[in-house]
Amino acid sequence: MTNHYKPEQAWKSFIFYPSATFVITAACSFCAYIPLLHTLSGDLYDQFLADRIQWALLLSIVFSSFFTLCITLIISRSHSRRPLTKITLFFWSFVPYFLYTAFFGYLFHRQKSIDLDKVVPYRSPYSIDKEPFPAIEIELTKLSYQGDLSYYLYAISIGFFILALYKGYRKHFLTMVQYIADRPSSYPQETTAVVDNSEELLHKAEKLANTFSKPPSEDTPKAKVDIEMYAFIYGKGFDYVIIDHGFTVPMVFDDEEGPENFYDGIFLHINDLLYIRYDHIMLIDVKKKIIIISPLLQKVFDQINKESVKKKLFSYRVPGQPKGYYTIAPHLALKLKKKFNME
């Protein structure tokens, strides 16, 4: 799933999404005491109303912020490794809300079994105040344990529909996830095996890497030159090989030769003009038609010294994803699937 957003405006999502969650959860928590408030009057009503408003706001901002932070960080890390689908992100955008409402629903359920005659206001064991609690304070404490679970369930149901109908709620969540996923620290660091015959291709990659670093002959001393070929931008006038430090070198193949046949097929045809060395591809997903390249290769790509080659290469990036994500051409996805016998 792609979501085009401007990073400099992402801060709005970090305000709107948590704020929407906070407001709805606070309102739901307060609604549990509406039936009880209808039975009160006078000074007791005023004090209990103020007490429950403060309680709902305080606990909502603490717990909803905690759940939002945890879920956003977890999903951002997962999204940076493997892009999540629209349905998956739709579900996860409501998880902080569900966690909050489930937690407080459990507390309201437990209150039914509490003996109110034994309920007293809390006092720290280190407090020097030993005076008896005022009667109204005792009464307020007992009332706080009488939240109505059925009203609470009605409120959280309405709250869910409000958030579900507000499309911006999900959009802001996705923007938060993608903004965090785009940070350098979230870049994939572990290689994922994705093909059955990877050992064979890695062996070929080692052969390629060692080709340019063979020791010179004893008879004819020569300077040692280490050169790494990382990718080809080949075809339609872009006949270049990308080597160390992003240098681009013109490359001419024979009529029967091409990047796919170079060094026993170690270079995979990813998109129309793009061929990438297999041992620098961390993940291939033929269903979503994406690959994730290694941080080393992305560093080389960032250093490319020919602007036209860099522009053509970056046109194959996956929009809205970390810069190590590249698209696979649809007609080549099937070819890769057959090549590696993927299910």
Protein backbone atom coordinates (compact mmCIF):
# COMPACT_ATOMS: atom_id res chain seq x y z
CA MET A 1 0.00 0.00 0.00
CA THR A 2 1.30 3.45 -0.84
CA ASN A 3 0.44 6.71 0.87
CA HIS A 4 1.91 9.88 -0.61
CA TYR A 5 2.69 12.31 2.17
CA LYS A 6 5.06 15.21 2.77
CA PRO A 7 7.53 14.40 5.57
CA GLU A 8 7.62 18.04 6.67
CA GLN A 9 3.86 17.87 7.35
CA ALA A 10 3.92 14.51 9.14
CA TRP A 11 3.87 16.29 12.50
CA LYS A 12 0.16 16.93 11.97
CA SER A 13 -0.52 13.19 12.07
CA PHE A 14 1.40 12.90 15.35
CA ILE A 15 -1.11 15.38 16.80
CA PHE A 16 -4.40 14.38 15.16
CA TYR A 17 -4.23 10.60 15.55
CA PRO A 18 -3.34 10.49 19.29
CA SER A 19 -5.73 13.38 19.98
CA ALA A 20 -8.65 11.58 18.31
CA THR A 21 -7.90 8.42 20.28
CA PHE A 22 -7.57 10.42 23.51
CA VAL A 23 -10.83 12.33 23.11
CA ILE A 24 -12.94 9.27 22.24
CA THR A 25 -11.48 7.03 24.98
CA ALA A 26 -11.90 9.77 27.61
CA ALA A 27 -15.52 10.27 26.58
CA CYS A 28 -16.19 6.52 26.75
CA SER A 29 -14.68 6.23 30.24
CA PHE A 30 -16.77 9.14 31.47
CA CYS A 31 -19.97 7.69 29.99
CA ALA A 32 -19.74 4.73 32.37
CA TYR A 33 -20.74 7.09 35.22
CA ILE A 34 -23.64 8.89 33.51
CA PRO A 35 -26.37 6.66 35.07
CA LEU A 36 -24.86 7.25 38.51
CA LEU A 37 -24.69 11.01 38.01
CA HIS A 38 -28.42 11.07 37.28
CA THR A 39 -29.05 9.85 40.83
CA LEU A 40 -26.98 12.58 42.52
CA SER A 41 -27.69 16.19 43.29
CA GLY A 42 -26.27 19.23 45.02
CA ASP A 43 -22.66 19.47 46.14
CA LEU A 44 -22.08 15.71 45.80
CA TYR A 45 -23.11 15.87 42.12
CA ASP A 46 -20.79 18.79 41.38
CA GLN A 47 -17.78 17.23 43.09
CA PHE A 48 -18.30 13.78 41.58
CA LEU A 49 -18.80 15.27 38.09
CA ALA A 50 -15.53 17.22 38.36
CA ASP A 51 -13.75 14.18 39.81
CA ARG A 52 -14.83 11.85 36.99
CA ILE A 53 -13.95 14.37 34.27
CA GLN A 54 -10.44 14.76 35.69
CA TRP A 55 -10.12 10.99 36.11
CA ALA A 56 -11.22 10.25 32.54
CA LEU A 57 -8.93 12.88 31.00
CA LEU A 58 -5.88 11.90 33.04
CA LEU A 59 -6.11 8.14 32.53
CA SER A 60 -7.07 8.49 28.88
CA ILE A 61 -4.07 10.63 28.01
CA VAL A 62 -1.71 8.30 29.89
CA PHE A 63 -2.97 4.93 28.67
CA SER A 64 -4.00 5.93 25.14
CA SER A 65 -0.60 7.60 24.61
CA PHE A 66 1.19 4.51 25.92
CA PHE A 67 -0.77 2.09 23.71
CA THR A 68 -0.45 4.39 20.68
CA LEU A 69 3.32 4.71 21.13
CA CYS A 70 3.86 0.96 21.51
CA ILE A 71 1.72 -0.05 18.53
CA THR A 72 3.08 2.66 16.24
CA LEU A 73 6.70 1.72 16.94
CA ILE A 74 6.04 -2.01 16.52
CA ILE A 75 4.11 -1.63 13.27
CA SER A 76 6.61 0.91 11.88
CA ARG A 77 9.44 -1.56 12.37
CA SER A 78 7.42 -4.31 10.73
CA HIS A 79 6.36 -2.01 7.88
CA SER A 80 9.97 -0.99 7.19
CA ARG A 81 10.96 -4.64 6.76
CA ARG A 82 7.95 -5.77 4.75
CA PRO A 83 5.20 -3.37 3.58
CA LEU A 84 1.84 -4.12 5.16
CA THR A 85 -1.40 -4.31 3.21
CA LYS A 86 -4.17 -1.73 3.39
CA ILE A 87 -6.42 -4.10 5.34
CA THR A 88 -3.66 -4.88 7.82
CA LEU A 89 -2.94 -1.22 8.49
CA PHE A 90 -6.68 -0.54 8.76
CA PHE A 91 -6.86 -3.12 11.55
CA TRP A 92 -3.74 -1.91 13.40
CA SER A 93 -4.93 1.69 13.42
CA PHE A 94 -7.68 0.65 15.86
CA VAL A 95 -5.55 -1.56 18.10
CA PRO A 96 -4.62 1.25 20.59
CA TYR A 97 -8.33 2.03 20.95
CA PHE A 98 -9.24 -1.64 21.45
CA LEU A 99 -6.47 -2.14 24.03
CA TYR A 100 -7.61 0.87 26.03
CA THR A 101 -11.29 -0.04 25.97
CA ALA A 102 -10.59 -3.70 26.78
CA PHE A 103 -8.43 -2.74 29.76
CA PHE A 104 -11.01 -0.39 31.26
CA GLY A 105 -13.86 -2.73 30.38
CA TYR A 106 -12.11 -5.34 32.51
CA LEU A 107 -11.79 -2.86 35.39
CA PHE A 108 -15.49 -1.96 35.25
CA HIS A 109 -16.35 -5.65 35.21
CA ARG A 110 -14.25 -6.26 38.33
CA GLN A 111 -15.94 -3.42 40.18
CA LYS A 112 -19.15 -5.48 40.35
CA SER A 113 -17.54 -7.90 42.80
CA ILE A 114 -16.09 -5.26 45.12
CA ASP A 115 -17.60 -4.87 48.58
CA LEU A 116 -18.30 -1.13 48.80
CA ASP A 117 -18.46 -1.24 52.62
CA LYS A 118 -14.74 -2.00 52.64
CA VAL A 119 -13.81 0.75 50.19
CA VAL A 120 -11.94 3.70 51.71
CA PRO A 121 -9.96 6.56 50.16
CA TYR A 122 -6.31 5.85 49.56
CA ARG A 123 -3.77 7.26 51.99
CA SER A 124 -0.03 6.77 51.73
CA PRO A 125 1.42 4.65 54.55
CA TYR A 126 4.05 7.38 54.97
CA SER A 127 1.46 10.12 55.46
CA ILE A 128 1.59 11.91 58.81
CA ASP A 129 -2.10 12.83 58.54
CA LYS A 130 -4.02 10.39 60.74
CA GLU A 131 -7.32 12.28 60.82
CA PRO A 132 -10.44 10.37 59.69
CA PHE A 133 -11.48 10.85 56.08
CA PRO A 134 -14.28 13.37 55.46
CA ALA A 135 -17.63 11.74 54.78
CA ILE A 136 -17.92 13.26 51.30
CA GLU A 137 -14.47 11.93 50.36
CA ILE A 138 -15.49 8.44 51.43
CA GLU A 139 -18.70 8.76 49.44
CA LEU A 140 -16.84 9.95 46.32
CA THR A 141 -14.48 7.00 46.58
CA LYS A 142 -17.35 4.51 46.79
CA LEU A 143 -19.09 6.16 43.84
CA SER A 144 -15.93 5.83 41.74
CA TYR A 145 -16.25 2.03 42.03
CA GLN A 146 -19.76 2.02 40.57
CA GLY A 147 -19.16 2.53 36.86
CA ASP A 148 -21.88 1.06 34.60
CA LEU A 149 -20.34 -1.57 32.28
CA SER A 150 -23.34 -1.65 29.92
CA TYR A 151 -23.16 2.13 29.35
CA TYR A 152 -19.45 1.80 28.80
CA LEU A 153 -19.96 -0.90 26.15
CA TYR A 154 -22.51 1.28 24.36
CA ALA A 155 -20.10 4.21 24.44
CA ILE A 156 -17.10 2.29 23.05
CA SER A 157 -19.29 0.88 20.26
CA ILE A 158 -20.35 4.38 19.22
CA GLY A 159 -16.75 5.57 19.58
CA PHE A 160 -15.53 2.83 17.26
CA PHE A 161 -18.03 3.77 14.56
CA ILE A 162 -17.04 7.43 14.84
CA LEU A 163 -13.37 6.57 14.33
CA ALA A 164 -14.17 4.09 11.55
CA LEU A 165 -16.18 6.72 9.65
CA TYR A 166 -13.41 9.29 10.06
CA LYS A 167 -11.06 8.36 7.19
CA GLY A 168 -8.42 10.76 8.41
CA TYR A 169 -7.94 8.58 11.50
CA ARG A 170 -6.51 5.72 9.45
CA LYS A 171 -4.64 8.08 7.11
CA HIS A 172 -2.88 9.78 10.02
CA PHE A 173 -1.92 6.39 11.47
CA LEU A 174 -0.40 5.30 8.15
CA THR A 175 1.51 8.58 7.85
CA MET A 176 2.95 8.09 11.34
CA VAL A 177 3.97 4.52 10.51
CA GLN A 178 5.61 5.46 7.22
CA TYR A 179 7.37 8.49 8.67
CA ILE A 180 8.97 6.37 11.40
CA ALA A 181 9.68 3.53 8.95
CA ASP A 182 11.52 5.97 6.67
CA ARG A 183 13.97 6.90 9.42
CA PRO A 184 17.50 5.47 8.81
CA SER A 185 17.37 3.41 12.02
CA SER A 186 14.40 1.46 10.70
CA TYR A 187 16.21 0.23 7.60
CA PRO A 188 16.25 -3.59 7.31
CA GLN A 189 19.41 -5.02 8.79
CA GLU A 190 18.86 -8.74 8.49
CA THR A 191 18.90 -10.81 5.34
CA THR A 192 15.79 -12.85 4.59
CA ALA A 193 16.06 -16.04 2.56
CA VAL A 194 13.44 -16.02 -0.17
CA VAL A 195 14.45 -18.56 -2.77
CA ASP A 196 15.10 -22.26 -2.74
CA ASN A 197 18.40 -22.30 -4.60
CA SER A 198 20.01 -19.37 -2.75
CA GLU A 199 23.14 -21.31 -1.81
CA GLU A 200 23.98 -21.89 -5.45
CA LEU A 201 23.54 -18.23 -6.36
CA LEU A 202 25.51 -17.05 -3.33
CA HIS A 203 28.33 -19.32 -4.46
CA LYS A 204 28.22 -17.61 -7.84
CA ALA A 205 28.22 -14.22 -6.10
CA GLU A 206 31.37 -15.14 -4.20
CA LYS A 207 32.92 -16.22 -7.49
CA LEU A 208 32.07 -12.80 -8.95
CA ALA A 209 33.47 -10.94 -5.94
CA ASN A 210 36.72 -12.90 -6.08
CA THR A 211 37.15 -12.52 -9.85
CA PHE A 212 38.45 -9.00 -9.56
CA SER A 213 40.77 -9.70 -6.63
CA LYS A 214 42.86 -12.62 -7.93
CA PRO A 215 46.56 -12.37 -7.00
CA PRO A 216 48.86 -11.30 -9.87
CA SER A 217 51.01 -13.83 -11.69
CA GLU A 218 54.50 -14.34 -10.35
CA ASP A 219 55.93 -14.03 -13.85
CA THR A 220 54.25 -10.75 -14.67
CA PRO A 221 53.85 -8.53 -11.60
CA LYS A 222 50.82 -6.26 -11.88
CA ALA A 223 49.07 -3.81 -9.63
CA LYS A 224 46.20 -5.34 -7.69
CA VAL A 225 42.83 -3.81 -8.57
CA ASP A 226 39.63 -4.58 -6.65
CA ILE A 227 36.47 -3.74 -8.57
CA GLU A 228 32.91 -4.65 -7.62
CA MET A 229 30.05 -4.62 -10.12
CA TYR A 230 26.75 -4.02 -8.37
CA ALA A 231 24.11 -3.40 -11.00
CA PHE A 232 23.40 -2.62 -14.65
CA ILE A 233 21.18 0.05 -16.13
CA TYR A 234 21.05 -1.56 -19.54
CA GLY A 235 19.04 -0.82 -22.66
CA LYS A 236 17.53 2.17 -24.49
CA GLY A 237 20.74 4.15 -24.35
CA PHE A 238 21.46 3.39 -20.68
CA ASP A 239 24.24 0.82 -21.17
CA TYR A 240 26.06 1.33 -17.89
CA VAL A 241 27.46 -0.82 -15.10
CA ILE A 242 27.47 0.61 -11.56
CA ILE A 243 30.69 -0.11 -9.68
CA ASP A 244 32.34 0.96 -6.39
CA HIS A 245 31.52 4.39 -4.98
CA GLY A 246 28.69 4.84 -7.49
CA PHE A 247 30.87 5.20 -10.55
CA THR A 248 29.06 4.42 -13.80
CA VAL A 249 31.02 2.84 -16.64
CA PRO A 250 29.70 2.28 -20.20
CA MET A 251 29.28 -1.43 -20.88
CA VAL A 252 28.94 -3.12 -24.27
CA PHE A 253 27.86 -6.76 -24.56
CA ASP A 254 28.05 -9.11 -27.50
CA ASP A 255 24.88 -9.73 -29.49
CA GLU A 256 24.23 -13.05 -27.70
CA GLU A 257 25.32 -11.75 -24.29
CA GLY A 258 23.54 -9.52 -21.82
CA PRO A 259 23.48 -8.70 -18.11
CA GLU A 260 21.34 -11.78 -17.38
CA ASN A 261 24.02 -14.07 -18.82
CA PHE A 262 26.93 -12.20 -17.24
CA TYR A 263 28.79 -14.28 -14.64
CA ASP A 264 26.47 -17.27 -14.82
CA GLY A 265 23.30 -15.26 -14.32
CA ILE A 266 24.20 -13.66 -11.00
CA PHE A 267 22.49 -10.42 -12.11
CA LEU A 268 18.70 -10.57 -11.83
CA HIS A 269 16.44 -8.68 -14.23
CA ILE A 270 14.30 -6.63 -11.83
CA ASN A 271 12.74 -3.95 -14.00
CA ASP A 272 12.83 -2.80 -17.62
CA LEU A 273 16.42 -1.55 -17.56
CA LEU A 274 17.51 -2.63 -14.08
CA TYR A 275 19.68 -5.65 -13.29
CA ILE A 276 20.88 -6.14 -9.68
CA ARG A 277 23.43 -8.54 -8.27
CA TYR A 278 21.67 -11.28 -6.33
CA ASP A 279 23.81 -11.23 -3.18
CA HIS A 280 22.77 -7.62 -2.51
CA ILE A 281 19.04 -8.38 -2.63
CA MET A 282 17.75 -9.00 0.89
CA LEU A 283 14.16 -9.88 0.00
CA ILE A 284 12.16 -10.73 -3.11
CA ASP A 285 8.37 -10.59 -2.90
CA VAL A 286 6.87 -11.58 -6.25
CA LYS A 287 3.32 -11.19 -4.94
CA LYS A 288 3.77 -7.53 -4.00
CA LYS A 289 6.32 -7.10 -6.81
CA ILE A 290 9.03 -5.54 -4.66
CA ILE A 291 12.61 -6.20 -3.63
CA ILE A 292 14.63 -4.84 -0.70
CA ILE A 293 18.31 -4.23 -1.35
CA SER A 294 21.17 -4.20 1.15
CA PRO A 295 22.19 -0.97 2.92
CA LEU A 296 25.62 -1.26 1.24
CA LEU A 297 24.08 -1.32 -2.25
CA GLN A 298 21.77 1.60 -1.41
CA LYS A 299 24.83 3.56 -0.29
CA VAL A 300 26.46 2.85 -3.66
CA PHE A 301 23.27 3.93 -5.46
CA ASP A 302 23.22 7.20 -3.51
CA GLN A 303 26.78 7.90 -4.74
CA ILE A 304 26.05 7.40 -8.47
CA ASN A 305 27.98 10.07 -10.35
CA LYS A 306 25.86 10.21 -13.52
CA GLU A 307 22.60 12.09 -12.99
CA SER A 308 20.66 10.43 -15.84
CA VAL A 309 21.54 6.96 -14.52
CA LYS A 310 20.58 7.93 -10.96
CA LYS A 311 17.27 9.41 -12.14
CA LYS A 312 16.42 6.28 -14.12
CA LEU A 313 17.37 4.00 -11.22
CA PHE A 314 15.37 5.95 -8.65
CA SER A 315 12.31 5.87 -10.90
CA TYR A 316 12.06 2.20 -9.92
CA ARG A 317 11.72 2.93 -6.19
CA VAL A 318 8.51 2.00 -4.36
CA PRO A 319 6.64 5.27 -3.61
CA GLY A 320 6.11 6.01 0.06
CA GLN A 321 8.52 3.29 1.24
CA PRO A 322 12.11 3.42 2.57
CA LYS A 323 14.61 4.07 -0.19
CA GLY A 324 15.84 0.46 -0.21
CA TYR A 325 12.54 -0.73 -1.73
CA TYR A 326 12.41 -1.20 -5.53
CA THR A 327 9.60 -2.39 -7.80
CA ILE A 328 9.61 -5.52 -9.91
CA ALA A 329 8.08 -5.15 -13.37
CA PRO A 330 4.88 -7.27 -13.57
CA HIS A 331 6.11 -9.28 -16.57
CA LEU A 332 9.39 -9.99 -14.76
CA ALA A 333 7.75 -11.08 -11.49
CA LEU A 334 6.47 -14.25 -13.15
CA LYS A 335 9.89 -14.83 -14.66
CA LEU A 336 11.57 -14.57 -11.24
CA LYS A 337 8.93 -16.83 -9.73
CA LYS A 338 9.71 -19.54 -12.28
CA LYS A 339 13.47 -19.01 -11.96
CA PHE A 340 13.44 -19.69 -8.23
CA ASN A 341 10.53 -22.15 -8.17
CA MET A 342 8.54 -19.94 -5.81
CA GLU A 343 5.08 -21.05 -4.79
